[in-house]
N, C-alpha and C. Protein backbone atom coordinates (compact mmCIF):
# COMPACT_ATOMS: atom_id res chain seq x y z
N MET A 1 159.08 134.38 259.09
CA MET A 1 158.58 134.35 260.68
C MET A 1 159.68 134.27 261.52
N VAL A 2 159.48 134.57 262.97
CA VAL A 2 159.87 134.03 264.24
C VAL A 2 159.63 133.05 265.11
N LYS A 3 160.97 131.77 265.01
CA LYS A 3 160.37 131.19 265.64
C LYS A 3 161.06 131.05 266.92
N LEU A 4 160.30 130.96 268.12
CA LEU A 4 160.77 131.17 269.52
C LEU A 4 162.11 130.28 269.87
N SER A 5 162.59 129.08 268.61
CA SER A 5 163.38 128.12 269.24
C SER A 5 164.36 128.84 268.85
N ASP A 6 164.76 130.15 268.23
CA ASP A 6 165.98 131.05 267.51
C ASP A 6 166.21 132.04 268.78
N PHE A 7 165.48 131.35 270.10
CA PHE A 7 166.18 132.49 271.41
C PHE A 7 166.32 131.46 272.54
N LEU A 8 167.12 132.37 273.09
CA LEU A 8 167.38 131.78 274.61
C LEU A 8 166.89 132.85 275.71
N ARG A 9 166.43 131.54 276.75
CA ARG A 9 165.41 132.06 278.39
C ARG A 9 166.74 132.94 278.37
N ILE A 10 166.77 134.20 279.88
CA ILE A 10 167.53 134.44 280.44
C ILE A 10 168.54 133.72 280.77
N SER A 11 168.12 132.58 281.67
CA SER A 11 169.21 131.62 282.88
C SER A 11 169.99 130.83 281.50
N GLU A 12 169.68 130.27 280.51
CA GLU A 12 170.56 129.73 279.03
C GLU A 12 171.34 131.24 278.62
N ALA A 13 171.06 132.29 278.59
CA ALA A 13 172.02 133.16 277.35
C ALA A 13 172.74 133.42 278.45
N ALA A 14 172.79 133.78 279.85
CA ALA A 14 173.59 133.87 280.67
C ALA A 14 174.76 132.69 281.57
N GLU A 15 174.34 131.76 280.96
CA GLU A 15 175.21 130.47 281.21
C GLU A 15 176.10 130.60 279.66
N TYR A 16 175.20 130.33 278.64
CA TYR A 16 176.20 130.71 277.35
C TYR A 16 176.93 132.12 277.85
N LEU A 17 177.13 133.14 278.14
CA LEU A 17 178.04 134.38 278.06
C LEU A 17 179.32 134.07 279.30
N GLY A 18 178.52 133.19 280.23
CA GLY A 18 179.39 133.00 281.21
C GLY A 18 179.50 134.06 282.61
N VAL A 19 177.71 134.91 282.78
CA VAL A 19 177.78 135.73 283.43
C VAL A 19 176.11 135.11 284.14
N SER A 20 175.86 136.21 285.21
CA SER A 20 175.21 135.63 285.84
C SER A 20 173.43 136.00 285.49
N PRO A 21 171.89 135.53 286.09
CA PRO A 21 171.08 136.35 284.99
C PRO A 21 171.20 137.44 285.62
N ASN A 22 171.47 138.18 286.52
CA ASN A 22 171.43 139.84 287.11
C ASN A 22 171.65 140.69 285.87
N THR A 23 173.16 139.99 285.70
CA THR A 23 174.09 140.96 284.91
C THR A 23 173.89 141.05 283.88
N LEU A 24 172.99 140.06 283.57
CA LEU A 24 172.47 140.15 281.54
C LEU A 24 171.34 141.11 282.00
N ARG A 25 170.50 140.78 282.92
CA ARG A 25 169.52 141.96 282.73
C ARG A 25 170.08 143.57 283.35
N ASN A 26 170.65 143.51 283.75
CA ASN A 26 171.60 144.86 283.75
C ASN A 26 172.37 145.42 282.50
N TRP A 27 172.51 144.57 281.83
CA TRP A 27 173.80 144.79 280.27
C TRP A 27 172.25 145.46 279.42
N GLU A 28 171.05 144.44 279.42
CA GLU A 28 169.85 144.95 278.45
C GLU A 28 169.02 146.21 279.16
N ASN A 29 169.05 146.62 280.17
CA ASN A 29 168.70 147.75 280.73
C ASN A 29 169.58 148.95 280.30
N ALA A 30 171.14 148.70 280.27
CA ALA A 30 171.84 149.88 280.39
C ALA A 30 172.24 149.71 278.72
N GLY A 31 171.63 149.36 277.81
CA GLY A 31 171.04 148.75 276.33
C GLY A 31 172.68 148.48 275.69
N LYS A 32 173.19 147.88 276.55
CA LYS A 32 174.67 146.67 276.15
C LYS A 32 173.63 145.34 274.63
N ILE A 33 172.81 144.78 275.54
CA ILE A 33 172.03 143.99 274.32
C ILE A 33 170.72 144.50 274.20
N ALA A 34 170.08 143.80 272.88
CA ALA A 34 168.89 143.90 273.31
C ALA A 34 167.83 142.33 273.72
N ALA A 35 166.87 142.63 274.33
CA ALA A 35 166.22 141.74 274.88
C ALA A 35 164.43 141.78 274.14
N HIS A 36 164.06 140.85 273.58
CA HIS A 36 162.97 140.43 273.25
C HIS A 36 162.09 139.83 274.31
N ARG A 37 160.62 140.10 274.30
CA ARG A 37 159.50 139.94 275.17
C ARG A 37 159.20 138.24 274.61
N HIS A 38 158.83 137.16 275.11
CA HIS A 38 157.75 136.67 274.83
C HIS A 38 156.36 136.62 274.81
N PRO A 39 155.79 136.54 273.93
CA PRO A 39 154.66 137.25 273.23
C PRO A 39 153.01 136.56 274.37
N VAL A 40 153.72 135.73 274.88
CA VAL A 40 152.82 134.88 276.07
C VAL A 40 152.73 135.54 277.26
N ASN A 41 154.19 135.30 277.74
CA ASN A 41 154.55 135.38 279.38
C ASN A 41 155.23 136.56 279.91
N ASP A 42 156.19 137.28 278.50
CA ASP A 42 156.02 138.20 278.55
C ASP A 42 158.25 138.38 279.27
N TYR A 43 158.59 136.96 279.03
CA TYR A 43 160.00 136.64 279.28
C TYR A 43 160.76 137.52 279.09
N ARG A 44 162.15 137.70 279.21
CA ARG A 44 163.19 138.30 278.27
C ARG A 44 163.99 137.24 277.78
N LEU A 45 163.76 137.50 276.21
CA LEU A 45 164.28 136.55 275.16
C LEU A 45 165.56 136.78 274.61
N PHE A 46 166.54 136.30 274.71
CA PHE A 46 167.90 136.97 273.70
C PHE A 46 167.91 135.98 272.57
N LYS A 47 168.55 136.53 271.13
CA LYS A 47 168.85 135.88 269.62
C LYS A 47 170.47 135.55 270.56
N LYS A 48 170.82 134.60 269.48
CA LYS A 48 172.03 133.85 270.38
C LYS A 48 173.16 134.54 269.13
N GLU A 49 172.63 134.49 267.79
CA GLU A 49 173.64 135.90 267.40
C GLU A 49 173.70 137.36 268.01
N ASP A 50 172.99 137.61 268.43
CA ASP A 50 172.93 138.91 269.34
C ASP A 50 174.14 138.74 270.50
N LEU A 51 173.73 137.42 271.41
CA LEU A 51 174.84 137.22 272.29
C LEU A 51 176.42 136.74 271.51
N ASP A 52 176.77 135.98 270.29
CA ASP A 52 177.53 136.21 269.95
C ASP A 52 178.37 137.84 269.69
N ALA A 53 177.83 138.34 269.07
CA ALA A 53 178.01 139.75 268.80
C ALA A 53 178.66 140.42 270.41
N LEU A 54 177.84 140.41 271.24
CA LEU A 54 178.51 140.68 272.98
C LEU A 54 179.44 140.08 272.50
N LEU A 55 179.65 138.86 272.59
CA LEU A 55 181.29 138.27 273.15
C LEU A 55 182.18 138.37 272.17
N GLU A 56 182.08 139.21 270.94
CA GLU A 56 183.41 139.47 269.80
C GLU A 56 183.53 141.05 270.69
N MET A 57 182.44 141.70 270.65
CA MET A 57 182.90 142.81 271.22
C MET A 57 183.43 143.02 272.61
N LEU A 58 183.08 141.78 273.45
CA LEU A 58 184.21 142.28 274.77
C LEU A 58 185.29 141.61 274.77
N ASP A 59 185.20 140.59 273.69
CA ASP A 59 187.17 140.26 273.14
C ASP A 59 187.64 141.22 272.22
N GLU A 60 187.22 142.37 272.27
CA GLU A 60 188.16 143.08 271.44
C GLU A 60 189.11 143.95 272.79
N PRO A 61 190.42 144.19 271.99
CA PRO A 61 191.46 144.68 272.87
C PRO A 61 191.12 146.19 273.58
N ASP A 62 190.06 146.90 272.85
CA ASP A 62 189.71 148.29 273.46
C ASP A 62 188.69 148.18 274.38
N HIS A 63 187.79 146.97 274.92
CA HIS A 63 186.35 147.29 275.43
C HIS A 63 186.57 145.91 276.50
N ARG A 64 188.28 145.93 277.02
CA ARG A 64 188.30 145.33 278.26
C ARG A 64 188.58 146.11 279.49
N SER A 65 188.74 145.40 280.26
CA SER A 65 188.94 146.70 281.53
C SER A 65 190.19 146.23 281.82
N PRO A 66 190.36 148.32 283.05
CA PRO A 66 191.71 148.04 282.94
C PRO A 66 192.41 147.43 283.52
N SER A 67 191.62 146.42 284.55
CA SER A 67 192.57 145.66 285.59
C SER A 67 193.52 144.49 284.15
N SER A 68 192.86 144.04 282.67
CA SER A 68 193.01 143.47 282.41
C SER A 68 194.03 143.39 281.13
N LYS A 69 194.32 144.93 281.17
CA LYS A 69 195.36 145.35 279.69
C LYS A 69 196.55 144.29 280.30
N PRO A 70 197.77 144.42 279.29
CA PRO A 70 198.47 144.53 279.15
C PRO A 70 199.82 145.17 279.80
N ARG A 71 200.71 145.16 280.78
CA ARG A 71 201.43 146.70 281.04
C ARG A 71 202.12 146.76 280.72
């Protein structure tokens, strides 16, 4: 059984990741992270484990932006 308490709202998820809600929406639209929808109001919801996986992927050396790579 899925509990709504297992999910973060977009503002909470964005704060957790350290990005803006618009960035998180863009990532969801680009398929970088899956958003689930609230059954009543259709708001975006994100699983914390999905956010943690995204953070781990972004921390990998191959996925850093070119400007942040050591020279």
